[in-house]
């Protein structure tokens, strides 16, 4: 895991300017799964993690 990259639980903004929560990182760290931060809704994926702007780190990650 790269400290500069978004990870599971982080609040991000994707390349299309949508706010999202990272819910999973799959395929050996090459696919990031995202969902809307509130209200559920469809998940989507990106294989461009550097396009994710981190808005807030996961609290669980901060306490490690």
C-alpha atoms as a PDB file:
ATOM      1  CA  UNK A   1       0.000   0.000   0.000  1.00  0.00           C
ATOM      2  CA  UNK A   2       1.341   3.386  -0.986  1.00  0.00           C
ATOM      3  CA  UNK A   3       0.870   6.038   1.738  1.00  0.00           C
ATOM      4  CA  UNK A   4      -0.048   8.591  -0.933  1.00  0.00           C
ATOM      5  CA  UNK A   5      -2.766   6.413  -2.475  1.00  0.00           C
ATOM      6  CA  UNK A   6      -6.326   6.103  -1.279  1.00  0.00           C
ATOM      7  CA  UNK A   7      -7.159   2.912   0.598  1.00  0.00           C
ATOM      8  CA  UNK A   8     -10.232   1.155   1.956  1.00  0.00           C
ATOM      9  CA  UNK A   9     -12.372   3.513   4.037  1.00  0.00           C
ATOM     10  CA  UNK A  10     -10.912   6.743   2.656  1.00  0.00           C
ATOM     11  CA  UNK A  11     -13.197   9.502   1.370  1.00  0.00           C
ATOM     12  CA  UNK A  12     -12.038  10.524  -2.110  1.00  0.00           C
ATOM     13  CA  UNK A  13     -12.975  12.512  -5.197  1.00  0.00           C
ATOM     14  CA  UNK A  14     -12.574  10.581  -8.435  1.00  0.00           C
ATOM     15  CA  UNK A  15     -11.525  11.786 -11.869  1.00  0.00           C
ATOM     16  CA  UNK A  16     -15.164  12.647 -12.688  1.00  0.00           C
ATOM     17  CA  UNK A  17     -15.326  14.827  -9.533  1.00  0.00           C
ATOM     18  CA  UNK A  18     -17.668  12.388  -7.714  1.00  0.00           C
ATOM     19  CA  UNK A  19     -17.184  12.018  -3.970  1.00  0.00           C
ATOM     20  CA  UNK A  20     -16.818   8.387  -2.912  1.00  0.00           C
ATOM     21  CA  UNK A  21     -15.676   5.948  -0.256  1.00  0.00           C
ATOM     22  CA  UNK A  22     -13.111   3.311  -1.224  1.00  0.00           C
ATOM     23  CA  UNK A  23     -14.738  -0.028  -0.333  1.00  0.00           C
ATOM     24  CA  UNK A  24     -12.206  -2.495  -1.723  1.00  0.00           C
ATOM     25  CA  UNK A  25      -8.902  -2.812  -3.547  1.00  0.00           C
ATOM     26  CA  UNK A  26      -8.861  -5.855  -5.849  1.00  0.00           C
ATOM     27  CA  UNK A  27      -6.764  -7.726  -8.343  1.00  0.00           C
ATOM     28  CA  UNK A  28      -3.482  -7.397  -6.522  1.00  0.00           C
ATOM     29  CA  UNK A  29      -3.910  -3.680  -5.911  1.00  0.00           C
ATOM     30  CA  UNK A  30      -4.838  -2.651  -9.431  1.00  0.00           C
ATOM     31  CA  UNK A  31      -8.607  -1.990  -9.141  1.00  0.00           C
ATOM     32  CA  UNK A  32     -10.190   0.384  -6.596  1.00  0.00           C
ATOM     33  CA  UNK A  33     -13.904  -0.125  -5.852  1.00  0.00           C
ATOM     34  CA  UNK A  34     -15.845   3.041  -4.938  1.00  0.00           C
ATOM     35  CA  UNK A  35     -19.348   3.841  -3.671  1.00  0.00           C
ATOM     36  CA  UNK A  36     -21.212   7.062  -2.909  1.00  0.00           C
ATOM     37  CA  UNK A  37     -20.396   8.399   0.582  1.00  0.00           C
ATOM     38  CA  UNK A  38     -24.075   8.393   1.628  1.00  0.00           C
ATOM     39  CA  UNK A  39     -27.323   6.816   0.561  1.00  0.00           C
ATOM     40  CA  UNK A  40     -25.950   3.615  -0.907  1.00  0.00           C
ATOM     41  CA  UNK A  41     -26.151   3.497  -4.655  1.00  0.00           C
ATOM     42  CA  UNK A  42     -24.158   1.728  -7.320  1.00  0.00           C
ATOM     43  CA  UNK A  43     -20.488   0.890  -6.925  1.00  0.00           C
ATOM     44  CA  UNK A  44     -17.958   1.725  -9.608  1.00  0.00           C
ATOM     45  CA  UNK A  45     -14.303   0.913 -10.202  1.00  0.00           C
ATOM     46  CA  UNK A  46     -11.160   2.669 -11.270  1.00  0.00           C
ATOM     47  CA  UNK A  47      -7.803   1.282 -12.306  1.00  0.00           C
ATOM     48  CA  UNK A  48      -6.266   4.752 -11.971  1.00  0.00           C
ATOM     49  CA  UNK A  49      -5.688   5.179  -8.215  1.00  0.00           C
ATOM     50  CA  UNK A  50      -3.539   8.259  -8.768  1.00  0.00           C
ATOM     51  CA  UNK A  51      -6.657  10.020 -10.114  1.00  0.00           C
ATOM     52  CA  UNK A  52      -8.296   9.721  -6.666  1.00  0.00           C
ATOM     53  CA  UNK A  53      -7.976  12.866  -4.572  1.00  0.00           C
ATOM     54  CA  UNK A  54      -7.999  11.961  -0.876  1.00  0.00           C
ATOM     55  CA  UNK A  55     -10.439  14.182   1.008  1.00  0.00           C
ATOM     56  CA  UNK A  56     -10.244  12.367   4.370  1.00  0.00           C
ATOM     57  CA  UNK A  57      -8.389   9.304   5.571  1.00  0.00           C
ATOM     58  CA  UNK A  58     -10.282   6.481   7.243  1.00  0.00           C
ATOM     59  CA  UNK A  59     -10.504   6.914  11.027  1.00  0.00           C
ATOM     60  CA  UNK A  60      -9.666   3.230  11.439  1.00  0.00           C
ATOM     61  CA  UNK A  61      -6.494   3.742   9.424  1.00  0.00           C
ATOM     62  CA  UNK A  62      -5.529   6.794  11.495  1.00  0.00           C
ATOM     63  CA  UNK A  63      -5.704   4.773  14.722  1.00  0.00           C
ATOM     64  CA  UNK A  64      -3.289   2.044  13.555  1.00  0.00           C
END
